[in-house]
N, C-alpha and C. Protein backbone atom coordinates (compact mmCIF):
# COMPACT_ATOMS: atom_id res chain seq x y z
N MET A 1 2.53 56.13 33.06
CA MET A 1 2.35 54.71 33.36
C MET A 1 0.85 54.45 33.57
N ILE A 2 0.21 53.78 32.62
CA ILE A 2 -1.22 53.57 32.70
C ILE A 2 -1.50 52.08 32.91
N HIS A 3 -2.24 51.77 33.95
CA HIS A 3 -2.64 50.40 34.22
C HIS A 3 -4.15 50.37 34.35
N THR A 4 -4.81 49.51 33.58
CA THR A 4 -6.26 49.44 33.63
C THR A 4 -6.76 48.12 34.21
N ARG A 5 -5.90 47.09 34.25
CA ARG A 5 -6.28 45.80 34.82
C ARG A 5 -5.38 45.52 36.01
N ILE A 6 -5.99 45.29 37.15
CA ILE A 6 -5.20 45.17 38.37
C ILE A 6 -5.83 44.11 39.27
N LEU A 7 -4.98 43.38 39.95
CA LEU A 7 -5.42 42.32 40.86
C LEU A 7 -5.56 42.88 42.27
N TYR A 8 -6.71 42.66 42.87
CA TYR A 8 -6.90 42.96 44.29
C TYR A 8 -6.63 41.67 45.04
N GLY A 9 -5.61 41.67 45.87
CA GLY A 9 -5.17 40.46 46.55
C GLY A 9 -6.09 40.07 47.69
N THR A 10 -7.31 39.67 47.35
CA THR A 10 -8.27 39.21 48.35
C THR A 10 -9.11 38.09 47.76
N GLY A 11 -9.52 37.16 48.61
CA GLY A 11 -10.45 36.12 48.20
C GLY A 11 -11.85 36.40 48.73
N ASN A 12 -12.03 37.58 49.33
CA ASN A 12 -13.31 37.95 49.93
C ASN A 12 -14.16 38.67 48.88
N PRO A 13 -15.23 38.04 48.38
CA PRO A 13 -16.02 38.67 47.31
C PRO A 13 -16.69 39.97 47.73
N ALA A 14 -17.07 40.09 49.00
CA ALA A 14 -17.71 41.32 49.47
C ALA A 14 -16.73 42.49 49.42
N LYS A 15 -15.50 42.24 49.83
CA LYS A 15 -14.48 43.30 49.77
C LYS A 15 -14.16 43.68 48.33
N LEU A 16 -14.11 42.68 47.46
CA LEU A 16 -13.83 42.92 46.05
C LEU A 16 -14.91 43.81 45.42
N GLU A 17 -16.17 43.48 45.67
CA GLU A 17 -17.26 44.25 45.08
C GLU A 17 -17.30 45.67 45.63
N ALA A 18 -17.04 45.83 46.93
CA ALA A 18 -17.03 47.17 47.52
C ALA A 18 -15.93 48.03 46.90
N MET A 19 -14.76 47.43 46.69
CA MET A 19 -13.64 48.18 46.09
C MET A 19 -13.94 48.51 44.63
N ARG A 20 -14.54 47.59 43.90
CA ARG A 20 -14.90 47.85 42.49
C ARG A 20 -15.84 49.04 42.38
N ARG A 21 -16.85 49.06 43.25
CA ARG A 21 -17.81 50.17 43.19
C ARG A 21 -17.15 51.49 43.57
N ARG A 22 -16.31 51.46 44.58
CA ARG A 22 -15.71 52.70 45.08
C ARG A 22 -14.71 53.28 44.09
N LEU A 23 -13.99 52.40 43.35
CA LEU A 23 -12.98 52.87 42.40
C LEU A 23 -13.51 52.96 40.98
N ALA A 24 -14.82 52.78 40.79
CA ALA A 24 -15.41 52.82 39.45
C ALA A 24 -15.05 54.09 38.67
N PRO A 25 -14.95 55.27 39.31
CA PRO A 25 -14.61 56.48 38.55
C PRO A 25 -13.25 56.40 37.85
N LEU A 26 -12.38 55.50 38.28
CA LEU A 26 -11.05 55.40 37.69
C LEU A 26 -11.02 54.52 36.44
N GLY A 27 -12.10 53.82 36.16
CA GLY A 27 -12.17 52.99 34.96
C GLY A 27 -11.27 51.78 34.99
N LEU A 28 -11.00 51.24 36.18
CA LEU A 28 -10.13 50.08 36.31
C LEU A 28 -10.92 48.78 36.17
N GLU A 29 -10.26 47.77 35.63
CA GLU A 29 -10.79 46.40 35.71
C GLU A 29 -10.10 45.75 36.90
N ILE A 30 -10.85 45.56 37.97
CA ILE A 30 -10.28 44.99 39.19
C ILE A 30 -10.74 43.54 39.31
N ILE A 31 -9.78 42.63 39.35
CA ILE A 31 -10.09 41.21 39.51
C ILE A 31 -9.61 40.76 40.89
N GLY A 32 -10.18 39.67 41.36
CA GLY A 32 -9.79 39.11 42.65
C GLY A 32 -9.04 37.81 42.49
N LEU A 33 -8.54 37.29 43.58
CA LEU A 33 -7.75 36.06 43.53
C LEU A 33 -8.55 34.89 42.95
N LYS A 34 -9.84 34.82 43.25
CA LYS A 34 -10.65 33.70 42.77
C LYS A 34 -10.89 33.78 41.27
N ASP A 35 -10.71 34.96 40.68
CA ASP A 35 -10.89 35.10 39.23
C ASP A 35 -9.73 34.48 38.46
N LEU A 36 -8.62 34.19 39.13
CA LEU A 36 -7.43 33.68 38.44
C LEU A 36 -7.53 32.18 38.13
N ASN A 37 -8.40 31.47 38.84
CA ASN A 37 -8.59 30.03 38.60
C ASN A 37 -7.27 29.27 38.61
N THR A 38 -6.46 29.56 39.61
CA THR A 38 -5.18 28.88 39.76
C THR A 38 -4.85 28.76 41.23
N VAL A 39 -3.75 28.12 41.54
CA VAL A 39 -3.33 27.96 42.93
C VAL A 39 -2.87 29.31 43.48
N ILE A 40 -3.40 29.67 44.63
CA ILE A 40 -3.07 30.94 45.26
C ILE A 40 -2.04 30.69 46.37
N PRO A 41 -0.93 31.42 46.37
CA PRO A 41 0.05 31.22 47.43
C PRO A 41 -0.54 31.55 48.80
N ASP A 42 -0.16 30.77 49.78
CA ASP A 42 -0.61 30.99 51.15
C ASP A 42 0.35 31.97 51.81
N VAL A 43 -0.13 33.16 52.11
CA VAL A 43 0.72 34.19 52.70
C VAL A 43 0.44 34.26 54.19
N VAL A 44 1.47 34.06 54.99
CA VAL A 44 1.33 34.14 56.45
C VAL A 44 1.34 35.60 56.86
N GLU A 45 0.24 36.05 57.43
CA GLU A 45 0.13 37.46 57.83
C GLU A 45 0.63 37.63 59.26
N ASP A 46 1.95 37.61 59.41
CA ASP A 46 2.55 37.71 60.74
C ASP A 46 3.27 39.03 60.95
N GLY A 47 2.92 40.05 60.15
CA GLY A 47 3.51 41.36 60.33
C GLY A 47 3.10 41.99 61.65
N ARG A 48 3.86 42.97 62.08
CA ARG A 48 3.55 43.65 63.35
C ARG A 48 2.53 44.76 63.15
N THR A 49 2.31 45.16 61.90
CA THR A 49 1.36 46.23 61.61
C THR A 49 0.51 45.84 60.39
N SER A 50 -0.57 46.58 60.18
CA SER A 50 -1.40 46.36 59.00
C SER A 50 -0.60 46.60 57.73
N LEU A 51 0.29 47.60 57.75
CA LEU A 51 1.08 47.91 56.56
C LEU A 51 2.04 46.77 56.22
N GLU A 52 2.66 46.18 57.22
CA GLU A 52 3.56 45.05 56.96
C GLU A 52 2.79 43.89 56.34
N ASN A 53 1.59 43.63 56.82
CA ASN A 53 0.80 42.53 56.25
C ASN A 53 0.35 42.83 54.83
N ALA A 54 -0.05 44.07 54.57
CA ALA A 54 -0.45 44.46 53.22
C ALA A 54 0.73 44.30 52.26
N ARG A 55 1.91 44.71 52.70
CA ARG A 55 3.11 44.60 51.86
C ARG A 55 3.45 43.14 51.59
N LYS A 56 3.41 42.30 52.60
CA LYS A 56 3.72 40.88 52.42
C LYS A 56 2.81 40.24 51.37
N LYS A 57 1.52 40.53 51.47
CA LYS A 57 0.57 39.94 50.54
C LYS A 57 0.78 40.45 49.12
N ALA A 58 0.93 41.76 48.97
CA ALA A 58 1.08 42.33 47.62
C ALA A 58 2.34 41.82 46.93
N LEU A 59 3.44 41.76 47.65
CA LEU A 59 4.69 41.29 47.05
C LEU A 59 4.61 39.81 46.69
N ALA A 60 3.98 39.02 47.54
CA ALA A 60 3.85 37.58 47.26
C ALA A 60 2.96 37.35 46.04
N TYR A 61 1.87 38.08 45.92
CA TYR A 61 0.97 37.89 44.78
C TYR A 61 1.61 38.42 43.49
N TYR A 62 2.37 39.49 43.60
CA TYR A 62 3.05 39.98 42.39
C TYR A 62 4.07 38.94 41.91
N GLU A 63 4.83 38.38 42.84
CA GLU A 63 5.82 37.37 42.46
C GLU A 63 5.16 36.17 41.81
N ALA A 64 3.98 35.80 42.32
CA ALA A 64 3.29 34.61 41.80
C ALA A 64 2.65 34.85 40.44
N PHE A 65 2.09 36.05 40.22
CA PHE A 65 1.26 36.26 39.04
C PHE A 65 1.82 37.29 38.06
N GLN A 66 2.84 38.02 38.45
CA GLN A 66 3.53 38.96 37.54
C GLN A 66 2.55 39.92 36.86
N MET A 67 1.67 40.50 37.65
CA MET A 67 0.75 41.52 37.16
C MET A 67 0.56 42.55 38.26
N PRO A 68 0.14 43.76 37.91
CA PRO A 68 -0.10 44.78 38.94
C PRO A 68 -1.08 44.27 40.00
N VAL A 69 -0.76 44.49 41.26
CA VAL A 69 -1.56 43.95 42.35
C VAL A 69 -1.54 44.92 43.53
N PHE A 70 -2.65 44.96 44.24
CA PHE A 70 -2.63 45.67 45.53
C PHE A 70 -3.28 44.80 46.58
N SER A 71 -2.82 44.98 47.81
CA SER A 71 -3.40 44.28 48.95
C SER A 71 -3.64 45.28 50.07
N CYS A 72 -4.66 45.00 50.86
CA CYS A 72 -5.01 45.87 51.99
C CYS A 72 -5.01 45.05 53.28
N ASP A 73 -4.88 45.74 54.37
CA ASP A 73 -5.00 45.09 55.66
C ASP A 73 -5.52 46.12 56.65
N SER A 74 -6.19 45.65 57.69
CA SER A 74 -6.82 46.56 58.65
C SER A 74 -6.57 46.11 60.07
N GLY A 75 -6.62 47.08 60.97
CA GLY A 75 -6.64 46.81 62.39
C GLY A 75 -7.89 47.44 62.97
N LEU A 76 -8.47 46.81 63.97
CA LEU A 76 -9.67 47.33 64.64
C LEU A 76 -9.28 47.77 66.04
N TYR A 77 -9.59 49.01 66.35
CA TYR A 77 -9.20 49.59 67.63
C TYR A 77 -10.45 50.10 68.34
N ILE A 78 -10.64 49.65 69.58
CA ILE A 78 -11.86 49.90 70.34
C ILE A 78 -11.51 50.70 71.58
N ASP A 79 -12.27 51.77 71.80
CA ASP A 79 -12.04 52.61 72.97
C ASP A 79 -12.51 51.91 74.25
N ASN A 80 -11.77 52.14 75.32
CA ASN A 80 -12.22 51.81 76.68
C ASN A 80 -12.51 50.33 76.92
N ILE A 81 -11.67 49.47 76.36
CA ILE A 81 -11.70 48.06 76.75
C ILE A 81 -10.28 47.68 77.19
N PRO A 82 -10.12 46.61 77.98
CA PRO A 82 -8.79 46.23 78.43
C PRO A 82 -7.85 45.93 77.25
N GLN A 83 -6.58 46.22 77.43
CA GLN A 83 -5.60 46.03 76.36
C GLN A 83 -5.55 44.59 75.88
N ASP A 84 -5.74 43.65 76.79
CA ASP A 84 -5.66 42.24 76.39
C ASP A 84 -6.85 41.80 75.54
N LYS A 85 -7.88 42.65 75.42
CA LYS A 85 -9.03 42.34 74.58
C LYS A 85 -9.05 43.21 73.32
N GLN A 86 -8.04 44.05 73.17
CA GLN A 86 -7.94 44.92 71.99
C GLN A 86 -7.58 44.08 70.77
N PRO A 87 -8.41 44.06 69.73
CA PRO A 87 -8.11 43.20 68.57
C PRO A 87 -6.91 43.67 67.76
N GLY A 88 -6.79 44.98 67.51
CA GLY A 88 -5.70 45.47 66.67
C GLY A 88 -5.71 44.80 65.32
N ILE A 89 -4.55 44.30 64.89
CA ILE A 89 -4.49 43.67 63.57
C ILE A 89 -5.06 42.25 63.57
N HIS A 90 -5.38 41.73 64.74
CA HIS A 90 -5.91 40.36 64.83
C HIS A 90 -7.43 40.40 64.94
N VAL A 91 -8.06 40.99 63.94
CA VAL A 91 -9.51 41.20 63.99
C VAL A 91 -10.26 39.88 64.00
N ARG A 92 -9.78 38.91 63.21
CA ARG A 92 -10.46 37.62 63.10
C ARG A 92 -9.79 36.52 63.93
N THR A 93 -8.64 36.78 64.47
CA THR A 93 -7.92 35.75 65.22
C THR A 93 -7.93 36.12 66.69
N ILE A 94 -8.71 35.39 67.46
CA ILE A 94 -8.86 35.66 68.88
C ILE A 94 -8.34 34.47 69.68
N GLY A 95 -7.38 34.73 70.55
CA GLY A 95 -6.81 33.63 71.35
C GLY A 95 -6.16 32.57 70.49
N GLY A 96 -5.62 32.99 69.35
CA GLY A 96 -4.94 32.06 68.45
C GLY A 96 -5.88 31.31 67.53
N LYS A 97 -7.19 31.54 67.61
CA LYS A 97 -8.15 30.85 66.76
C LYS A 97 -8.69 31.78 65.69
N TYR A 98 -8.68 31.34 64.43
CA TYR A 98 -9.26 32.10 63.32
C TYR A 98 -10.77 31.92 63.34
N LEU A 99 -11.51 33.01 63.45
CA LEU A 99 -12.96 32.96 63.59
C LEU A 99 -13.68 33.00 62.25
N ASN A 100 -14.72 32.19 62.12
CA ASN A 100 -15.59 32.33 60.96
C ASN A 100 -16.55 33.50 61.21
N ASP A 101 -17.43 33.80 60.26
CA ASP A 101 -18.31 34.96 60.39
C ASP A 101 -19.18 34.88 61.64
N ASP A 102 -19.78 33.72 61.90
CA ASP A 102 -20.67 33.58 63.05
C ASP A 102 -19.90 33.75 64.37
N GLU A 103 -18.72 33.16 64.45
CA GLU A 103 -17.91 33.26 65.66
C GLU A 103 -17.44 34.70 65.89
N MET A 104 -17.10 35.37 64.80
CA MET A 104 -16.64 36.75 64.89
C MET A 104 -17.78 37.66 65.39
N LEU A 105 -18.96 37.46 64.84
CA LEU A 105 -20.12 38.24 65.25
C LEU A 105 -20.41 38.00 66.74
N ALA A 106 -20.38 36.77 67.16
CA ALA A 106 -20.67 36.44 68.55
C ALA A 106 -19.63 37.05 69.50
N HIS A 107 -18.36 37.04 69.08
CA HIS A 107 -17.30 37.58 69.94
C HIS A 107 -17.47 39.08 70.18
N TYR A 108 -17.66 39.83 69.09
CA TYR A 108 -17.74 41.29 69.24
C TYR A 108 -19.07 41.74 69.83
N ALA A 109 -20.16 41.03 69.53
CA ALA A 109 -21.43 41.33 70.20
C ALA A 109 -21.31 41.05 71.69
N GLY A 110 -20.54 40.02 72.03
CA GLY A 110 -20.30 39.70 73.44
C GLY A 110 -19.52 40.80 74.16
N LEU A 111 -18.53 41.39 73.46
CA LEU A 111 -17.80 42.51 74.06
C LEU A 111 -18.73 43.69 74.31
N ALA A 112 -19.64 43.96 73.35
CA ALA A 112 -20.59 45.06 73.51
C ALA A 112 -21.56 44.77 74.66
N LYS A 113 -21.91 43.52 74.84
CA LYS A 113 -22.79 43.15 75.96
C LYS A 113 -22.07 43.36 77.28
N GLU A 114 -20.78 43.03 77.30
CA GLU A 114 -20.00 43.13 78.54
C GLU A 114 -19.68 44.57 78.92
N TYR A 115 -19.33 45.39 77.91
CA TYR A 115 -18.85 46.75 78.20
C TYR A 115 -19.82 47.86 77.77
N GLY A 116 -20.96 47.49 77.20
CA GLY A 116 -21.85 48.49 76.63
C GLY A 116 -21.42 48.80 75.21
N ASP A 117 -22.23 49.59 74.52
CA ASP A 117 -21.90 49.92 73.13
C ASP A 117 -20.47 50.44 73.04
N LEU A 118 -19.73 49.94 72.03
CA LEU A 118 -18.30 50.22 71.91
C LEU A 118 -18.05 51.23 70.79
N THR A 119 -17.17 52.17 71.04
CA THR A 119 -16.73 53.09 69.99
C THR A 119 -15.46 52.52 69.37
N ALA A 120 -15.46 52.35 68.05
CA ALA A 120 -14.37 51.64 67.38
C ALA A 120 -13.97 52.36 66.09
N GLN A 121 -12.81 51.97 65.57
CA GLN A 121 -12.31 52.53 64.31
C GLN A 121 -11.40 51.52 63.64
N TYR A 122 -11.53 51.42 62.31
CA TYR A 122 -10.59 50.64 61.51
C TYR A 122 -9.45 51.54 61.05
N ARG A 123 -8.22 51.07 61.20
CA ARG A 123 -7.07 51.77 60.63
C ARG A 123 -6.53 50.88 59.51
N ASN A 124 -6.54 51.42 58.31
CA ASN A 124 -6.31 50.65 57.10
C ASN A 124 -4.98 50.97 56.44
N ALA A 125 -4.43 49.97 55.77
CA ALA A 125 -3.17 50.13 55.03
C ALA A 125 -3.31 49.48 53.67
N ILE A 126 -2.47 49.95 52.72
CA ILE A 126 -2.48 49.41 51.36
C ILE A 126 -1.06 49.36 50.81
N CYS A 127 -0.80 48.34 50.01
CA CYS A 127 0.46 48.25 49.26
C CYS A 127 0.10 47.92 47.81
N LEU A 128 0.66 48.70 46.89
CA LEU A 128 0.42 48.55 45.46
C LEU A 128 1.74 48.23 44.78
N VAL A 129 1.78 47.12 44.04
CA VAL A 129 2.98 46.72 43.30
C VAL A 129 2.64 46.74 41.81
N LEU A 130 3.23 47.68 41.08
CA LEU A 130 3.02 47.75 39.64
C LEU A 130 4.06 46.91 38.91
N ASP A 131 5.30 46.96 39.39
CA ASP A 131 6.39 46.11 38.92
C ASP A 131 7.49 46.21 39.98
N GLU A 132 8.62 45.56 39.74
CA GLU A 132 9.68 45.52 40.75
C GLU A 132 10.17 46.91 41.14
N ALA A 133 10.10 47.85 40.21
CA ALA A 133 10.64 49.19 40.46
C ALA A 133 9.60 50.17 40.99
N HIS A 134 8.34 49.76 40.99
CA HIS A 134 7.28 50.69 41.39
C HIS A 134 6.39 50.02 42.43
N VAL A 135 6.75 50.23 43.69
CA VAL A 135 6.00 49.71 44.83
C VAL A 135 5.60 50.90 45.70
N TYR A 136 4.30 51.04 45.95
CA TYR A 136 3.79 52.19 46.70
C TYR A 136 2.95 51.68 47.86
N GLU A 137 3.03 52.35 48.97
CA GLU A 137 2.25 51.91 50.13
C GLU A 137 1.85 53.12 50.97
N ALA A 138 0.82 52.94 51.77
CA ALA A 138 0.35 54.03 52.61
C ALA A 138 -0.49 53.47 53.75
N MET A 139 -0.47 54.21 54.84
CA MET A 139 -1.36 53.95 55.98
C MET A 139 -1.73 55.32 56.54
N GLU A 140 -2.50 56.05 55.75
CA GLU A 140 -2.81 57.44 56.07
C GLU A 140 -4.08 57.55 56.93
N GLU A 141 -4.17 58.67 57.62
CA GLU A 141 -5.37 58.93 58.42
C GLU A 141 -6.61 58.97 57.52
N SER A 142 -6.45 59.42 56.27
CA SER A 142 -7.58 59.50 55.35
C SER A 142 -8.10 58.11 54.95
N MET A 143 -7.31 57.08 55.23
CA MET A 143 -7.73 55.71 54.94
C MET A 143 -8.43 55.06 56.13
N ALA A 144 -8.33 55.69 57.29
CA ALA A 144 -8.98 55.15 58.48
C ALA A 144 -10.48 55.40 58.40
N SER A 145 -11.25 54.51 58.97
CA SER A 145 -12.70 54.69 58.99
C SER A 145 -13.07 55.80 59.96
N GLU A 146 -14.26 56.34 59.76
CA GLU A 146 -14.85 57.17 60.81
C GLU A 146 -15.11 56.28 62.02
N LYS A 147 -15.07 56.87 63.20
CA LYS A 147 -15.43 56.07 64.38
C LYS A 147 -16.89 55.66 64.28
N PHE A 148 -17.18 54.47 64.78
CA PHE A 148 -18.53 53.92 64.71
C PHE A 148 -18.82 53.14 65.98
N ILE A 149 -20.06 52.73 66.13
CA ILE A 149 -20.49 51.99 67.32
C ILE A 149 -20.63 50.50 66.99
N ILE A 150 -20.07 49.66 67.86
CA ILE A 150 -20.35 48.22 67.81
C ILE A 150 -21.36 47.93 68.92
N THR A 151 -22.51 47.37 68.53
CA THR A 151 -23.57 47.12 69.49
C THR A 151 -23.82 45.62 69.61
N GLN A 152 -24.54 45.20 70.63
CA GLN A 152 -24.73 43.77 70.84
C GLN A 152 -25.89 43.18 70.06
N LYS A 153 -26.83 44.04 69.63
CA LYS A 153 -28.02 43.54 68.92
C LYS A 153 -27.79 43.61 67.42
N PRO A 154 -27.71 42.47 66.73
CA PRO A 154 -27.41 42.49 65.30
C PRO A 154 -28.59 42.93 64.44
N HIS A 155 -28.26 43.57 63.34
CA HIS A 155 -29.24 43.87 62.28
C HIS A 155 -29.65 42.54 61.64
N PRO A 156 -30.89 42.41 61.18
CA PRO A 156 -31.30 41.13 60.56
C PRO A 156 -30.55 40.80 59.28
N MET A 157 -29.99 41.82 58.62
CA MET A 157 -29.27 41.58 57.38
C MET A 157 -27.83 41.14 57.69
N ARG A 158 -27.35 40.20 56.90
CA ARG A 158 -25.97 39.73 57.03
C ARG A 158 -25.34 39.67 55.64
N LYS A 159 -24.05 39.98 55.55
CA LYS A 159 -23.34 39.86 54.29
C LYS A 159 -22.07 39.04 54.55
N LYS A 160 -21.94 37.93 53.84
CA LYS A 160 -20.79 37.07 54.03
C LYS A 160 -19.49 37.84 53.82
N GLY A 161 -18.57 37.68 54.75
CA GLY A 161 -17.28 38.37 54.65
C GLY A 161 -17.22 39.68 55.39
N PHE A 162 -18.38 40.22 55.77
CA PHE A 162 -18.46 41.47 56.52
C PHE A 162 -19.36 41.29 57.75
N PRO A 163 -19.04 40.34 58.63
CA PRO A 163 -19.97 40.05 59.73
C PRO A 163 -20.18 41.23 60.68
N LEU A 164 -19.15 42.03 60.90
CA LEU A 164 -19.29 43.11 61.88
C LEU A 164 -20.20 44.24 61.41
N ASP A 165 -20.44 44.32 60.09
CA ASP A 165 -21.32 45.38 59.60
C ASP A 165 -22.72 45.25 60.18
N SER A 166 -23.13 44.03 60.53
CA SER A 166 -24.49 43.85 61.05
C SER A 166 -24.63 44.31 62.50
N ILE A 167 -23.50 44.58 63.19
CA ILE A 167 -23.59 45.15 64.55
C ILE A 167 -22.89 46.51 64.60
N SER A 168 -22.71 47.12 63.43
CA SER A 168 -22.05 48.43 63.35
C SER A 168 -23.07 49.53 63.10
N ILE A 169 -22.96 50.61 63.86
CA ILE A 169 -23.89 51.73 63.79
C ILE A 169 -23.11 53.01 63.46
N ASP A 170 -23.59 53.74 62.48
CA ASP A 170 -23.00 55.02 62.11
C ASP A 170 -23.27 56.04 63.21
N ILE A 171 -22.21 56.66 63.72
CA ILE A 171 -22.37 57.59 64.84
C ILE A 171 -23.19 58.82 64.44
N LYS A 172 -22.95 59.34 63.24
CA LYS A 172 -23.61 60.59 62.84
C LYS A 172 -25.12 60.44 62.69
N THR A 173 -25.55 59.32 62.16
CA THR A 173 -26.99 59.14 61.90
C THR A 173 -27.68 58.26 62.93
N GLY A 174 -26.90 57.46 63.67
CA GLY A 174 -27.49 56.51 64.60
C GLY A 174 -28.10 55.31 63.93
N GLU A 175 -27.82 55.13 62.63
CA GLU A 175 -28.40 54.03 61.87
C GLU A 175 -27.39 52.88 61.72
N TYR A 176 -27.91 51.68 61.68
CA TYR A 176 -27.07 50.53 61.33
C TYR A 176 -26.46 50.76 59.95
N TYR A 177 -25.25 50.23 59.75
CA TYR A 177 -24.61 50.37 58.43
C TYR A 177 -25.55 49.89 57.32
N TYR A 178 -26.28 48.79 57.58
CA TYR A 178 -27.10 48.23 56.51
C TYR A 178 -28.37 49.03 56.24
N ASP A 179 -28.63 50.06 57.05
CA ASP A 179 -29.76 50.94 56.77
C ASP A 179 -29.31 52.24 56.09
N LEU A 180 -28.01 52.38 55.85
CA LEU A 180 -27.50 53.54 55.14
C LEU A 180 -27.79 53.41 53.64
N ALA A 181 -27.85 54.54 52.95
CA ALA A 181 -28.00 54.51 51.49
C ALA A 181 -26.79 53.83 50.88
N GLY A 182 -26.96 53.28 49.66
CA GLY A 182 -25.90 52.50 49.02
C GLY A 182 -24.59 53.23 48.90
N ASP A 183 -24.62 54.50 48.47
CA ASP A 183 -23.37 55.22 48.30
C ASP A 183 -22.72 55.54 49.63
N GLU A 184 -23.53 55.76 50.68
CA GLU A 184 -22.97 55.99 52.01
C GLU A 184 -22.30 54.73 52.54
N LEU A 185 -22.91 53.58 52.28
CA LEU A 185 -22.34 52.32 52.73
C LEU A 185 -21.02 52.02 52.02
N ASP A 186 -20.96 52.30 50.72
CA ASP A 186 -19.71 52.12 49.98
C ASP A 186 -18.61 53.00 50.56
N GLN A 187 -18.97 54.21 50.97
CA GLN A 187 -17.97 55.12 51.51
C GLN A 187 -17.48 54.63 52.86
N VAL A 188 -18.36 53.98 53.62
CA VAL A 188 -17.96 53.37 54.88
C VAL A 188 -17.01 52.20 54.61
N ALA A 189 -17.33 51.39 53.59
CA ALA A 189 -16.54 50.18 53.29
C ALA A 189 -15.17 50.51 52.74
N VAL A 190 -15.07 51.54 51.90
CA VAL A 190 -13.81 51.92 51.27
C VAL A 190 -13.66 53.44 51.39
N GLU A 191 -12.77 53.87 52.27
CA GLU A 191 -12.68 55.29 52.60
C GLU A 191 -12.08 56.10 51.46
N ASP A 192 -12.30 57.41 51.52
CA ASP A 192 -11.84 58.32 50.46
C ASP A 192 -10.35 58.22 50.19
N GLY A 193 -9.56 57.93 51.23
CA GLY A 193 -8.11 57.88 51.07
C GLY A 193 -7.65 56.86 50.06
N PHE A 194 -8.42 55.78 49.87
CA PHE A 194 -8.04 54.77 48.89
C PHE A 194 -8.18 55.32 47.47
N LEU A 195 -9.25 56.04 47.22
CA LEU A 195 -9.46 56.63 45.90
C LEU A 195 -8.34 57.62 45.59
N THR A 196 -7.98 58.44 46.56
CA THR A 196 -6.90 59.40 46.40
C THR A 196 -5.57 58.71 46.12
N PHE A 197 -5.32 57.62 46.81
CA PHE A 197 -4.10 56.83 46.63
C PHE A 197 -3.97 56.35 45.19
N PHE A 198 -5.03 55.77 44.66
CA PHE A 198 -4.97 55.25 43.28
C PHE A 198 -4.88 56.38 42.26
N GLU A 199 -5.56 57.47 42.52
CA GLU A 199 -5.46 58.60 41.60
C GLU A 199 -4.01 59.11 41.53
N LYS A 200 -3.31 59.01 42.63
CA LYS A 200 -1.92 59.49 42.67
C LYS A 200 -0.95 58.58 41.91
N TYR A 201 -1.15 57.26 42.05
CA TYR A 201 -0.13 56.34 41.53
C TYR A 201 -0.52 55.65 40.22
N LEU A 202 -1.78 55.70 39.84
CA LEU A 202 -2.19 55.06 38.57
C LEU A 202 -2.45 56.14 37.54
N LYS A 203 -1.43 56.86 37.17
CA LYS A 203 -1.55 57.95 36.20
C LYS A 203 -1.23 57.43 34.81
């Protein structure tokens, strides 16, 4: 079963470009929702886990567009903060409000100011729908990010759609994400487990 053109169920151009670069060795043509130039179904992400949300999105987009599609979802988990401030799967929705990039940056920088530099990790999930009979999903440890630091002082560089990267510091090097080499930054954005996942199911 060979698929070379696949829809990434995201409207975030930064996420789309990061995934394209990371999966380039597979020779896939990866398009995003905005490339379809049509009405995109509104999918309510009310799952209890990142995997449930990834599955909901992938199945909805497959039903709408009848082409191979994958969707991802993430939860952010921060060490040593009160449970009621733990974002989990609600990374952008705080107190019932959906945050834009500036609001999101201010919220997490504020947590770092309140509690000191924060140790955090993204736990990621993916669902791939090739057709009705071939649906694959995973939420493996290999898809989780390395632990990193969220700090209160932002890097001067900003990238739309990835606001937290400007206050994220790589633990191993002590460098801001935006000061990492390009290939290192891509590896931070899209972990090795995603490449392994596609190699397994897109044969």
